[in-house]
Amino acid sequence: MRVKGGVASRRRRKRLLKLSKGYWGRRKNLIRRAKETLLRALAYAYRDRRQRKRDFRRLWIVRINAAVRPYGLSYSEFVGAMRRAGVEIDRKTLAEMAVRDPENFKSVVDTVRANLN
């Protein structure tokens, strides 16, 4: 007796179409188009999960740089002095501080400034 794969293939195709829901045009309801688009989408998702980390780090650096400029420092001077001062605050926290808590950020800058030279 032969085995027919109708149920399995239907399940596989339905799962694929469910994942491609919301795509534009035929990409959402033709199996081949949906599969192509879905593979590309998953590849982009994988790539961009890593890219997001880089993007946020860049954003934090820009914010910290903008926040230390009024104190007569550049980002690189500030980070170098921070290392020498032994202040171990990560960029994410520093950027958040610069935006939401300027008083505490100023105290960090003053602490770091003492170790500039």
C-alpha atoms as a PDB file:
ATOM      1  CA  MET A   1       0.000   0.000   0.000  1.00  0.00           C
ATOM      2  CA  ARG A   2       1.369   3.444  -0.875  1.00  0.00           C
ATOM      3  CA  VAL A   3       1.500   6.435   1.455  1.00  0.00           C
ATOM      4  CA  LYS A   4      -0.116   9.608   0.219  1.00  0.00           C
ATOM      5  CA  GLY A   5       1.324  12.863   1.577  1.00  0.00           C
ATOM      6  CA  GLY A   6      -1.696  15.105   1.082  1.00  0.00           C
ATOM      7  CA  VAL A   7      -2.335  15.852   4.733  1.00  0.00           C
ATOM      8  CA  ALA A   8       1.325  16.599   5.499  1.00  0.00           C
ATOM      9  CA  SER A   9       1.815  18.818   2.454  1.00  0.00           C
ATOM     10  CA  ARG A  10      -1.400  20.708   3.139  1.00  0.00           C
ATOM     11  CA  ARG A  11      -0.295  21.302   6.735  1.00  0.00           C
ATOM     12  CA  ARG A  12       3.120  22.491   5.528  1.00  0.00           C
ATOM     13  CA  ARG A  13       1.594  24.888   2.993  1.00  0.00           C
ATOM     14  CA  LYS A  14      -0.977  26.229   5.444  1.00  0.00           C
ATOM     15  CA  ARG A  15       1.781  26.939   7.971  1.00  0.00           C
ATOM     16  CA  LEU A  16       3.744  28.788   5.284  1.00  0.00           C
ATOM     17  CA  LEU A  17       0.712  30.853   4.227  1.00  0.00           C
ATOM     18  CA  LYS A  18      -0.086  31.656   7.836  1.00  0.00           C
ATOM     19  CA  LEU A  19       3.443  33.028   8.302  1.00  0.00           C
ATOM     20  CA  SER A  20       3.169  35.102   5.126  1.00  0.00           C
ATOM     21  CA  LYS A  21      -0.105  36.735   6.203  1.00  0.00           C
ATOM     22  CA  GLY A  22      -0.073  40.485   5.654  1.00  0.00           C
ATOM     23  CA  TYR A  23       2.278  40.467   2.683  1.00  0.00           C
ATOM     24  CA  TRP A  24       1.383  42.484  -0.395  1.00  0.00           C
ATOM     25  CA  GLY A  25      -0.266  41.030  -3.498  1.00  0.00           C
ATOM     26  CA  ARG A  26       0.342  37.430  -4.457  1.00  0.00           C
ATOM     27  CA  ARG A  27       3.083  37.083  -1.869  1.00  0.00           C
ATOM     28  CA  LYS A  28       0.467  36.219   0.723  1.00  0.00           C
ATOM     29  CA  ASN A  29      -1.514  33.530  -1.120  1.00  0.00           C
ATOM     30  CA  LEU A  30       0.674  31.766  -3.690  1.00  0.00           C
ATOM     31  CA  ILE A  31       2.844  29.085  -2.141  1.00  0.00           C
ATOM     32  CA  ARG A  32       5.987  29.709  -4.187  1.00  0.00           C
ATOM     33  CA  ARG A  33       5.866  33.521  -3.892  1.00  0.00           C
ATOM     34  CA  ALA A  34       5.074  33.268  -0.183  1.00  0.00           C
ATOM     35  CA  LYS A  35       7.972  30.902   0.421  1.00  0.00           C
ATOM     36  CA  GLU A  36      10.471  33.132  -1.412  1.00  0.00           C
ATOM     37  CA  THR A  37       9.323  36.189   0.492  1.00  0.00           C
ATOM     38  CA  LEU A  38       9.262  34.391   3.822  1.00  0.00           C
ATOM     39  CA  LEU A  39      12.806  33.065   3.420  1.00  0.00           C
ATOM     40  CA  ARG A  40      14.039  36.556   2.647  1.00  0.00           C
ATOM     41  CA  ALA A  41      12.068  38.027   5.557  1.00  0.00           C
ATOM     42  CA  LEU A  42      13.514  35.501   7.987  1.00  0.00           C
ATOM     43  CA  ALA A  43      17.023  36.208   6.699  1.00  0.00           C
ATOM     44  CA  TYR A  44      16.505  39.958   7.195  1.00  0.00           C
ATOM     45  CA  ALA A  45      15.101  39.354  10.675  1.00  0.00           C
ATOM     46  CA  TYR A  46      18.156  37.290  11.621  1.00  0.00           C
ATOM     47  CA  ARG A  47      20.564  39.885  10.224  1.00  0.00           C
ATOM     48  CA  ASP A  48      18.770  42.834  11.777  1.00  0.00           C
ATOM     49  CA  ARG A  49      18.658  41.338  15.268  1.00  0.00           C
ATOM     50  CA  ARG A  50      22.420  41.765  15.198  1.00  0.00           C
ATOM     51  CA  GLN A  51      22.263  45.107  13.394  1.00  0.00           C
ATOM     52  CA  ARG A  52      19.935  46.508  16.081  1.00  0.00           C
ATOM     53  CA  LYS A  53      22.663  46.112  18.700  1.00  0.00           C
ATOM     54  CA  ARG A  54      25.069  48.155  16.562  1.00  0.00           C
ATOM     55  CA  ASP A  55      22.450  50.802  15.837  1.00  0.00           C
ATOM     56  CA  PHE A  56      21.650  51.323  19.506  1.00  0.00           C
ATOM     57  CA  ARG A  57      25.320  51.568  20.442  1.00  0.00           C
ATOM     58  CA  ARG A  58      25.767  54.258  17.767  1.00  0.00           C
ATOM     59  CA  LEU A  59      22.744  56.124  19.104  1.00  0.00           C
ATOM     60  CA  TRP A  60      24.060  56.026  22.684  1.00  0.00           C
ATOM     61  CA  ILE A  61      27.452  57.315  21.545  1.00  0.00           C
ATOM     62  CA  VAL A  62      25.841  60.216  19.647  1.00  0.00           C
ATOM     63  CA  ARG A  63      23.731  61.127  22.696  1.00  0.00           C
ATOM     64  CA  ILE A  64      26.665  60.995  25.094  1.00  0.00           C
ATOM     65  CA  ASN A  65      28.771  63.103  22.724  1.00  0.00           C
ATOM     66  CA  ALA A  66      26.000  65.706  22.466  1.00  0.00           C
ATOM     67  CA  ALA A  67      25.603  65.729  26.249  1.00  0.00           C
ATOM     68  CA  VAL A  68      29.308  66.235  27.072  1.00  0.00           C
ATOM     69  CA  ARG A  69      29.959  68.950  24.458  1.00  0.00           C
ATOM     70  CA  PRO A  70      28.522  71.756  26.641  1.00  0.00           C
ATOM     71  CA  TYR A  71      31.101  70.778  29.287  1.00  0.00           C
ATOM     72  CA  GLY A  72      33.937  71.302  26.793  1.00  0.00           C
ATOM     73  CA  LEU A  73      34.623  67.603  26.221  1.00  0.00           C
ATOM     74  CA  SER A  74      34.396  65.303  23.258  1.00  0.00           C
ATOM     75  CA  TYR A  75      33.050  61.766  23.506  1.00  0.00           C
ATOM     76  CA  SER A  76      36.485  60.157  23.189  1.00  0.00           C
ATOM     77  CA  GLU A  77      38.044  62.436  25.828  1.00  0.00           C
ATOM     78  CA  PHE A  78      35.134  61.728  28.136  1.00  0.00           C
ATOM     79  CA  VAL A  79      35.319  57.941  27.746  1.00  0.00           C
ATOM     80  CA  GLY A  80      39.115  57.934  28.145  1.00  0.00           C
ATOM     81  CA  ALA A  81      38.904  60.012  31.298  1.00  0.00           C
ATOM     82  CA  MET A  82      36.089  57.811  32.553  1.00  0.00           C
ATOM     83  CA  ARG A  83      38.322  54.742  32.245  1.00  0.00           C
ATOM     84  CA  ARG A  84      41.149  56.501  34.109  1.00  0.00           C
ATOM     85  CA  ALA A  85      38.727  57.607  36.825  1.00  0.00           C
ATOM     86  CA  GLY A  86      37.520  54.035  37.213  1.00  0.00           C
ATOM     87  CA  VAL A  87      33.908  54.958  36.500  1.00  0.00           C
ATOM     88  CA  GLU A  88      32.239  51.859  35.093  1.00  0.00           C
ATOM     89  CA  ILE A  89      28.915  53.004  33.692  1.00  0.00           C
ATOM     90  CA  ASP A  90      27.887  51.535  30.363  1.00  0.00           C
ATOM     91  CA  ARG A  91      26.938  53.653  27.353  1.00  0.00           C
ATOM     92  CA  LYS A  92      23.268  52.743  27.545  1.00  0.00           C
ATOM     93  CA  THR A  93      22.999  54.004  31.130  1.00  0.00           C
ATOM     94  CA  LEU A  94      25.054  57.127  30.396  1.00  0.00           C
ATOM     95  CA  ALA A  95      22.882  58.029  27.397  1.00  0.00           C
ATOM     96  CA  GLU A  96      19.719  57.472  29.438  1.00  0.00           C
ATOM     97  CA  MET A  97      21.143  59.600  32.237  1.00  0.00           C
ATOM     98  CA  ALA A  98      22.054  62.401  29.835  1.00  0.00           C
ATOM     99  CA  VAL A  99      18.475  62.528  28.542  1.00  0.00           C
ATOM    100  CA  ARG A 100      16.399  61.883  31.688  1.00  0.00           C
ATOM    101  CA  ASP A 101      18.636  62.878  34.603  1.00  0.00           C
ATOM    102  CA  PRO A 102      20.951  65.770  33.661  1.00  0.00           C
ATOM    103  CA  GLU A 103      21.897  66.569  37.308  1.00  0.00           C
ATOM    104  CA  ASN A 104      23.378  63.125  37.925  1.00  0.00           C
ATOM    105  CA  PHE A 105      24.996  63.162  34.492  1.00  0.00           C
ATOM    106  CA  LYS A 106      26.672  66.458  35.402  1.00  0.00           C
ATOM    107  CA  SER A 107      28.022  64.897  38.607  1.00  0.00           C
ATOM    108  CA  VAL A 108      29.490  62.023  36.553  1.00  0.00           C
ATOM    109  CA  VAL A 109      31.062  64.540  34.149  1.00  0.00           C
ATOM    110  CA  ASP A 110      32.540  66.469  37.097  1.00  0.00           C
ATOM    111  CA  THR A 111      33.967  63.274  38.589  1.00  0.00           C
ATOM    112  CA  VAL A 112      35.485  62.330  35.247  1.00  0.00           C
ATOM    113  CA  ARG A 113      36.809  65.854  34.638  1.00  0.00           C
ATOM    114  CA  ALA A 114      38.982  65.610  37.728  1.00  0.00           C
ATOM    115  CA  ASN A 115      40.874  62.773  35.980  1.00  0.00           C
ATOM    116  CA  LEU A 116      41.280  64.487  32.612  1.00  0.00           C
ATOM    117  CA  ASN A 117      45.051  64.950  32.720  1.00  0.00           C
END
